[in-house]
Amino acid sequence: MPAQLAVGASLVLMSAVLAVGASRFPAEKGFTVLGAHVYPYAVAVFLGIVGVSISLQAAGLRSPADVSDGITGAIPGGKAGALWVTAGLTICALLIAHIGFVLAAALLFACSAQGFGSRHPARNLAIGIALALPVYWLFTIGLGVSLPPLVNAWI
């Protein structure tokens, strides 16, 4: 699949460009626990892994993972999927100041997973919380970036 191979190669290239850019960040930490270069490097590594994986799959050297657990057999998406993802983005934007970053991001993840075919909303919400908590801690503690609190009262 040439298109899939092009996507994989593009992700690897973006990973390399991001890593070069991150190498130019100053190494001093300043008032944060981690330096500013840590997060771009982490994203570069993630993009590189995904790009290599997609490229290997496109070249036929790796078979697609079995994703039948909780995912419908049809290709996800369409109008219903787009509506779920759009609803998640809208909910997140409207409620982040009221319910906090973690819950808003978890709702976004759950709605997006629903839009991509998952039929386990409670599990998706739990996964969303599990993914959002470390992000919240890394940004607030690691970088000193102020995100909306874990839970914000409706005052």
C-alpha atoms as a PDB file:
ATOM      1  CA  MET A   1       0.000   0.000   0.000  1.00  0.00           C
ATOM      2  CA  PRO A   2       1.884   3.046  -1.225  1.00  0.00           C
ATOM      3  CA  ALA A   3      -0.351   5.531   0.608  1.00  0.00           C
ATOM      4  CA  GLN A   4       0.157   3.755   3.923  1.00  0.00           C
ATOM      5  CA  LEU A   5       3.898   3.615   3.328  1.00  0.00           C
ATOM      6  CA  ALA A   6       3.886   7.351   2.581  1.00  0.00           C
ATOM      7  CA  VAL A   7       2.076   8.050   5.863  1.00  0.00           C
ATOM      8  CA  GLY A   8       4.574   5.941   7.802  1.00  0.00           C
ATOM      9  CA  ALA A   9       7.558   7.580   6.133  1.00  0.00           C
ATOM     10  CA  SER A  10       6.065  11.030   6.751  1.00  0.00           C
ATOM     11  CA  LEU A  11       5.685  10.267  10.445  1.00  0.00           C
ATOM     12  CA  VAL A  12       9.294   9.094  10.660  1.00  0.00           C
ATOM     13  CA  LEU A  13      10.415  12.287   8.907  1.00  0.00           C
ATOM     14  CA  MET A  14       8.316  14.437  11.255  1.00  0.00           C
ATOM     15  CA  SER A  15       9.843  12.554  14.169  1.00  0.00           C
ATOM     16  CA  ALA A  16      13.350  13.348  12.957  1.00  0.00           C
ATOM     17  CA  VAL A  17      12.530  17.028  12.389  1.00  0.00           C
ATOM     18  CA  LEU A  18      10.983  17.284  15.848  1.00  0.00           C
ATOM     19  CA  ALA A  19      14.021  15.616  17.447  1.00  0.00           C
ATOM     20  CA  VAL A  20      16.372  18.043  15.693  1.00  0.00           C
ATOM     21  CA  GLY A  21      14.231  20.949  16.887  1.00  0.00           C
ATOM     22  CA  ALA A  22      14.199  19.591  20.429  1.00  0.00           C
ATOM     23  CA  SER A  23      17.978  19.297  20.409  1.00  0.00           C
ATOM     24  CA  ARG A  24      18.157  23.065  19.931  1.00  0.00           C
ATOM     25  CA  PHE A  25      16.182  23.787  23.118  1.00  0.00           C
ATOM     26  CA  PRO A  26      18.241  24.953  26.078  1.00  0.00           C
ATOM     27  CA  ALA A  27      19.057  22.156  28.541  1.00  0.00           C
ATOM     28  CA  GLU A  28      18.597  24.268  31.648  1.00  0.00           C
ATOM     29  CA  LYS A  29      15.501  23.489  33.627  1.00  0.00           C
ATOM     30  CA  GLY A  30      14.803  26.910  35.104  1.00  0.00           C
ATOM     31  CA  PHE A  31      11.880  26.716  37.498  1.00  0.00           C
ATOM     32  CA  THR A  32      10.590  23.368  36.189  1.00  0.00           C
ATOM     33  CA  VAL A  33      11.496  19.813  37.111  1.00  0.00           C
ATOM     34  CA  LEU A  34      12.094  18.779  33.499  1.00  0.00           C
ATOM     35  CA  GLY A  35      13.690  20.830  30.749  1.00  0.00           C
ATOM     36  CA  ALA A  36      11.695  22.140  27.801  1.00  0.00           C
ATOM     37  CA  HIS A  37      13.348  19.595  25.476  1.00  0.00           C
ATOM     38  CA  VAL A  38      11.905  16.513  27.214  1.00  0.00           C
ATOM     39  CA  TYR A  39       8.384  16.683  25.785  1.00  0.00           C
ATOM     40  CA  PRO A  40       9.349  17.257  22.140  1.00  0.00           C
ATOM     41  CA  TYR A  41      11.752  14.312  22.436  1.00  0.00           C
ATOM     42  CA  ALA A  42       8.964  12.145  23.872  1.00  0.00           C
ATOM     43  CA  VAL A  43       6.623  13.113  21.020  1.00  0.00           C
ATOM     44  CA  ALA A  44       9.419  12.506  18.492  1.00  0.00           C
ATOM     45  CA  VAL A  45      10.024   8.997  19.859  1.00  0.00           C
ATOM     46  CA  PHE A  46       6.298   8.232  19.809  1.00  0.00           C
ATOM     47  CA  LEU A  47       5.916   9.489  16.218  1.00  0.00           C
ATOM     48  CA  GLY A  48       8.967   7.497  15.173  1.00  0.00           C
ATOM     49  CA  ILE A  49       7.606   4.277  16.682  1.00  0.00           C
ATOM     50  CA  VAL A  50       4.204   4.765  15.068  1.00  0.00           C
ATOM     51  CA  GLY A  51       5.795   5.690  11.720  1.00  0.00           C
ATOM     52  CA  VAL A  52       8.061   2.639  11.693  1.00  0.00           C
ATOM     53  CA  SER A  53       5.152   0.404  12.709  1.00  0.00           C
ATOM     54  CA  ILE A  54       2.929   1.749   9.911  1.00  0.00           C
ATOM     55  CA  SER A  55       5.775   1.426   7.408  1.00  0.00           C
ATOM     56  CA  LEU A  56       6.458  -2.186   8.404  1.00  0.00           C
ATOM     57  CA  GLN A  57       2.777  -3.007   8.127  1.00  0.00           C
ATOM     58  CA  ALA A  58       2.590  -1.354   4.685  1.00  0.00           C
ATOM     59  CA  ALA A  59       5.616  -3.348   3.525  1.00  0.00           C
ATOM     60  CA  GLY A  60       3.961  -6.566   4.675  1.00  0.00           C
ATOM     61  CA  LEU A  61       6.552  -7.240   7.373  1.00  0.00           C
ATOM     62  CA  ARG A  62       4.040  -6.871  10.197  1.00  0.00           C
ATOM     63  CA  SER A  63       0.407  -7.952  10.277  1.00  0.00           C
ATOM     64  CA  PRO A  64      -2.284  -5.632  11.607  1.00  0.00           C
ATOM     65  CA  ALA A  65      -3.106  -6.125  15.292  1.00  0.00           C
ATOM     66  CA  ASP A  66      -6.273  -7.959  16.196  1.00  0.00           C
ATOM     67  CA  VAL A  67      -8.621  -5.187  17.255  1.00  0.00           C
ATOM     68  CA  SER A  68     -11.813  -7.197  17.532  1.00  0.00           C
ATOM     69  CA  ASP A  69     -12.175  -6.776  21.319  1.00  0.00           C
ATOM     70  CA  GLY A  70     -14.880  -4.149  21.739  1.00  0.00           C
ATOM     71  CA  ILE A  71     -14.520  -2.760  18.223  1.00  0.00           C
ATOM     72  CA  THR A  72     -17.141  -3.290  15.573  1.00  0.00           C
ATOM     73  CA  GLY A  73     -16.151  -5.189  12.455  1.00  0.00           C
ATOM     74  CA  ALA A  74     -17.025  -2.333  10.111  1.00  0.00           C
ATOM     75  CA  ILE A  75     -14.620   0.452   9.348  1.00  0.00           C
ATOM     76  CA  PRO A  76     -15.369   3.137  11.939  1.00  0.00           C
ATOM     77  CA  GLY A  77     -16.228   6.660  11.051  1.00  0.00           C
ATOM     78  CA  GLY A  78     -18.879   8.086   8.835  1.00  0.00           C
ATOM     79  CA  LYS A  79     -21.241  10.801   9.942  1.00  0.00           C
ATOM     80  CA  ALA A  80     -22.020   9.207  13.306  1.00  0.00           C
ATOM     81  CA  GLY A  81     -18.322   8.862  14.136  1.00  0.00           C
ATOM     82  CA  ALA A  82     -17.627  12.446  13.131  1.00  0.00           C
ATOM     83  CA  LEU A  83     -20.519  13.611  15.304  1.00  0.00           C
ATOM     84  CA  TRP A  84     -19.138  11.727  18.329  1.00  0.00           C
ATOM     85  CA  VAL A  85     -15.675  13.241  17.894  1.00  0.00           C
ATOM     86  CA  THR A  86     -17.141  16.716  17.339  1.00  0.00           C
ATOM     87  CA  ALA A  87     -19.345  16.314  20.412  1.00  0.00           C
ATOM     88  CA  GLY A  88     -16.303  15.301  22.456  1.00  0.00           C
ATOM     89  CA  LEU A  89     -14.343  18.358  21.320  1.00  0.00           C
ATOM     90  CA  THR A  90     -17.289  20.639  22.048  1.00  0.00           C
ATOM     91  CA  ILE A  91     -17.892  19.126  25.492  1.00  0.00           C
ATOM     92  CA  CYS A  92     -14.210  19.445  26.325  1.00  0.00           C
ATOM     93  CA  ALA A  93     -14.064  23.085  25.222  1.00  0.00           C
ATOM     94  CA  LEU A  94     -17.231  24.049  27.085  1.00  0.00           C
ATOM     95  CA  LEU A  95     -16.593  22.187  30.334  1.00  0.00           C
ATOM     96  CA  ILE A  96     -12.818  22.253  30.863  1.00  0.00           C
ATOM     97  CA  ALA A  97     -12.998  25.371  33.058  1.00  0.00           C
ATOM     98  CA  HIS A  98     -15.799  23.832  35.135  1.00  0.00           C
ATOM     99  CA  ILE A  99     -14.894  20.168  35.558  1.00  0.00           C
ATOM    100  CA  GLY A 100     -11.127  20.438  35.150  1.00  0.00           C
ATOM    101  CA  PHE A 101      -8.629  19.185  32.600  1.00  0.00           C
ATOM    102  CA  VAL A 102      -8.652  15.513  33.574  1.00  0.00           C
ATOM    103  CA  LEU A 103     -12.404  14.946  33.371  1.00  0.00           C
ATOM    104  CA  ALA A 104     -12.788  17.065  30.227  1.00  0.00           C
ATOM    105  CA  ALA A 105      -9.965  15.178  28.494  1.00  0.00           C
ATOM    106  CA  ALA A 106     -11.414  11.844  29.641  1.00  0.00           C
ATOM    107  CA  LEU A 107     -14.804  12.767  28.153  1.00  0.00           C
ATOM    108  CA  LEU A 108     -13.077  13.768  24.917  1.00  0.00           C
ATOM    109  CA  PHE A 109     -11.304  10.396  24.817  1.00  0.00           C
ATOM    110  CA  ALA A 110     -14.520   8.473  25.555  1.00  0.00           C
ATOM    111  CA  CYS A 111     -16.477  10.324  22.851  1.00  0.00           C
ATOM    112  CA  SER A 112     -13.669   9.857  20.337  1.00  0.00           C
ATOM    113  CA  ALA A 113     -13.404   6.142  21.124  1.00  0.00           C
ATOM    114  CA  GLN A 114     -17.177   5.852  20.654  1.00  0.00           C
ATOM    115  CA  GLY A 115     -16.852   7.633  17.312  1.00  0.00           C
ATOM    116  CA  PHE A 116     -14.162   5.179  16.218  1.00  0.00           C
ATOM    117  CA  GLY A 117     -16.350   2.178  17.010  1.00  0.00           C
ATOM    118  CA  SER A 118     -15.776   1.215  20.648  1.00  0.00           C
ATOM    119  CA  ARG A 119     -18.845   0.029  22.512  1.00  0.00           C
ATOM    120  CA  HIS A 120     -17.502   0.220  26.084  1.00  0.00           C
ATOM    121  CA  PRO A 121     -18.164   3.780  27.339  1.00  0.00           C
ATOM    122  CA  ALA A 122     -17.279   3.125  30.994  1.00  0.00           C
ATOM    123  CA  ARG A 123     -13.998   1.485  30.051  1.00  0.00           C
ATOM    124  CA  ASN A 124     -13.239   4.315  27.622  1.00  0.00           C
ATOM    125  CA  LEU A 125     -13.845   6.888  30.353  1.00  0.00           C
ATOM    126  CA  ALA A 126     -11.537   4.996  32.719  1.00  0.00           C
ATOM    127  CA  ILE A 127      -8.829   4.811  30.041  1.00  0.00           C
ATOM    128  CA  GLY A 128      -9.308   8.528  29.366  1.00  0.00           C
ATOM    129  CA  ILE A 129      -8.768   9.339  33.040  1.00  0.00           C
ATOM    130  CA  ALA A 130      -5.725   7.041  33.166  1.00  0.00           C
ATOM    131  CA  LEU A 131      -4.224   8.863  30.165  1.00  0.00           C
ATOM    132  CA  ALA A 132      -5.150  12.388  31.276  1.00  0.00           C
ATOM    133  CA  LEU A 133      -3.804  12.156  34.836  1.00  0.00           C
ATOM    134  CA  PRO A 134      -0.143  11.661  33.886  1.00  0.00           C
ATOM    135  CA  VAL A 135      -0.444  14.404  31.260  1.00  0.00           C
ATOM    136  CA  TYR A 136      -1.874  16.738  33.899  1.00  0.00           C
ATOM    137  CA  TRP A 137       0.907  15.913  36.350  1.00  0.00           C
ATOM    138  CA  LEU A 138       3.648  16.198  33.733  1.00  0.00           C
ATOM    139  CA  PHE A 139       2.464  19.604  32.613  1.00  0.00           C
ATOM    140  CA  THR A 140       1.700  21.071  36.044  1.00  0.00           C
ATOM    141  CA  ILE A 141       4.588  19.544  38.009  1.00  0.00           C
ATOM    142  CA  GLY A 142       7.114  18.836  35.257  1.00  0.00           C
ATOM    143  CA  LEU A 143       6.769  21.999  33.205  1.00  0.00           C
ATOM    144  CA  GLY A 144       5.025  24.319  35.632  1.00  0.00           C
ATOM    145  CA  VAL A 145       2.224  24.956  33.126  1.00  0.00           C
ATOM    146  CA  SER A 146      -1.068  25.905  34.719  1.00  0.00           C
ATOM    147  CA  LEU A 147      -3.869  23.625  33.507  1.00  0.00           C
ATOM    148  CA  PRO A 148      -7.417  23.760  34.862  1.00  0.00           C
ATOM    149  CA  PRO A 149      -7.408  21.894  38.194  1.00  0.00           C
ATOM    150  CA  LEU A 150      -8.251  18.221  38.540  1.00  0.00           C
ATOM    151  CA  VAL A 151     -11.736  19.170  39.662  1.00  0.00           C
ATOM    152  CA  ASN A 152     -13.015  22.725  39.626  1.00  0.00           C
ATOM    153  CA  ALA A 153     -16.047  23.622  41.722  1.00  0.00           C
ATOM    154  CA  TRP A 154     -19.064  25.244  40.078  1.00  0.00           C
ATOM    155  CA  ILE A 155     -18.621  28.454  42.061  1.00  0.00           C
END
